[in-house]
Amino acid sequence: MRRIKGSPNEEDTCSSPSRDDHVPVYTLVLVLVLSVCTRFYKITEPPHVCWDETHFGKMGSYYINRTFFFDVHPPLGKMLIGLAGYLTGYDGTFPFIKPGDKYEHHNYWGMRAFCAALGSCLPPFACLIVLELSHSTPAALIAASLLIFDTGCITLSQYILLDPILMCFIMGSVLCMVRFNTHRLRPFSFSWWFWLLLTGVCLSGSLGVKFVGLFVILLVGINTVFDLWRLLGDLSLSLLDFGKHLLARVFGLIMLPLFLYTTIFAVHFIVLNRSGPGDGFFSSAFQSRLIGNNLHNASIPEYLAYGSVITVKNLRIAGGYLHSHWHLYPEGVGAHQQQVTAYLHKDYNNLWLIHTAQESITPVPFLSSAHLIFFIRTTRNLHSHFHEAPLTKKHLQVTGYGINGSGDVNDLWQVEVCGGKKGDPVKVLRSKVRFLHRSTGCVLGSSGKTLPKWGWEQVEVTCSPYVKETPNTQWNIEDHINPKLPNISLSVLKPTFLEILWESHIVMIRGNSGLKPKDNEMNSKPWHWPINYQGLRFSGVNETEYRVYLLGNPVIWWLNLLSLALFVLMLTVASLGGGMLLLGWLLHYLPFYIMGRILYYHHYFPAMLFSSMLTGLSKCFYLFHPLSYGMRGPLAQDPASSMAGLKWMESWEF
């Protein structure tokens, strides 16, 4: 029988050349078969949308239709879901409106099967990782079994979600890292380069799915720093050779992942070239590259004039369009007047009419810096006064006030072209402008804060008393309608790839930080997760519905928690190869305590992978713990010894 052989590691105290550093092929195949069976069983049930399939299934459809959208995560996971759907016959027409919607005739199984296939890789990966660290087949099988039969891992792997894709890349990164470590005595060999470069590939995949991938990058980075420190202390190694090692790791673990990560975005931008629901999150220049967007290859008047109908976009990334609707601010929130907000999507209520405040104007009615204007929307004027803003209490409230252009002196705004001088014209898209409130001296801005439900969860607009120029108080004119003026082409304003790459990351980061719990929404706490305190409903509520509930196997999770405590208590992780796994658990768990965004139970599962592998390693600790804490009685060669059968090498003297 051919066997898969683990690489020798002279520092592992659990290594056995005679019996425990080999895994029979049929054992690994059995692990894979059990993993596949548990993940693919009833893969098409229920035949309706479950939980976040609403989002990620819809995003897969966007890729098939080449429609641009916005998401807080990098694009690789959604691209792979869309590709899986496309290759298995899904046409991208299902709307994915809400959980519970029936799939009917739509071919959804391919996207679920793709996620299940990657989820099926987790137990074999865990088996191989623990085998490399402990050279113990029982320990490896224990770790694999915990993941095979964990109900939470099974549930997460069976639906159209990013989690199984992310966890597959994380585990792949760890496996490649430990395999690379075992080849350190054969530097620059083919296998050494193979595992180094494959580690870099998996790291780029981890980060390309979710920013949580940064945690495994940090884990590999710490391992690499210690590895380089060990090489630097090796007096038999010349500085030239050390430089080669350093450059190899820089190439394989930094340059290659960055190149692949950037390539993911290049493909993302090429595929999603049509206007869609994500346009409004990005700058006007970004939108001009999207087919179907009103700015794509558009021709509009270049200079702003009185009588123009315009949209005004805040230059803060994801700052939104200046917007007003008929709804009023509720009682107790400033003046009971019409709401003014920033809205992230294209909308009719983003259109504003520019009206002159001067008694007379020149024959050519162009708007320029230092001019006074009214903004008119839904027959009301843009207005500010000495009332607190709804959320940013040190700022002033902005409202819609007056009737058909008639109001009061608090409706006057002075135009200022940033970086310009008095009399400079306002150019569409290119001019950065500010609007100074004539009566109070404050400046119109978007705070970036999300209003409660009474504000339709749109972005707060305020008048800031801090007049320093910032993106929050800078605006550009995007749409411009004025049939009396000549048009110019906007094609010259398309941004470069690096500009849209940078902007995409700023938008994603700010989008992540803006994910706050909504009213009455359940917000999971990090301390809930290791104890399996509360799961997450995937589908169904009452007894007549098909119900799916995400909850880890309590026996497995509580055993994992006990194993974690055991490792910390005994302080033996370094000798067991478990130090890296414990560090992996800490890196994938502790950062959630300082995150300001909303958290969910499923965020713990990457950390759970590491705790399960630690549980497998704890068997190795149990066998050899007398070495650390002392022994009495017969020596190891005596069958009555507490260490009987554990003297796997003649050179071990216990």
Foldseek 3Di string as FASTA:
>chain_A
DDWDFAFDDVLFLQAFPVPQRIDRPVVLVVLLVLLLCLQCVPLCPPQWAWDCCLPLVLLLLCLLVLADAADLAFCPLSVVLVVQQVVQPFNSPDNSHDTPHGPPPGDNSSSQSVLSNLLSVLLSLLLLLLCNQRSGNQLSNLLSVQSSPWQQSSVRSSGNDLVSQLLSLLSQLSSLLSQLVSCPVPPPDPSNLVSLQSNLVSLLSNRNSGVLSVLSLVLSVVVVVVVLVVVVPPPVDDPVNSVVVVVSNCVRNPVSSVVVNLVSVVVSCVSNQAYDFHLLQAALLQNCRHPPPCQPQHWDFWFAFAFKKFWKAFLQRSLAIWFWDQQFDDPPAWDRATDIFGASGDDPRRIWHKHAPDPDDDPGGTDWAFGKTWTAGPQFTWFWDPTAFRPRRQFTHIHTDDGNPDDDLRRIWGKHFPPDDGPHTATASPTKIWIAGPPPRFTKFWPLAFDAVSVVRGTTITGHNPPPDDSRGIIGIRDIDDVVGGIDTPPVSHDDSVVVVVSSNSSSVSVQLRAADHPPRDFDDLVCQLQQNDWAWTDDDDPVTDTDINTTDNVSSVLLVVLLVVCVVLVPCVNSSLPSLNSSLCSQRVVVNPRNHGDHNSSNVSSSSSSSSSSSSVVSCVLPVCVVVHADDDDQCDPVGSNDPVCSDPPDDD
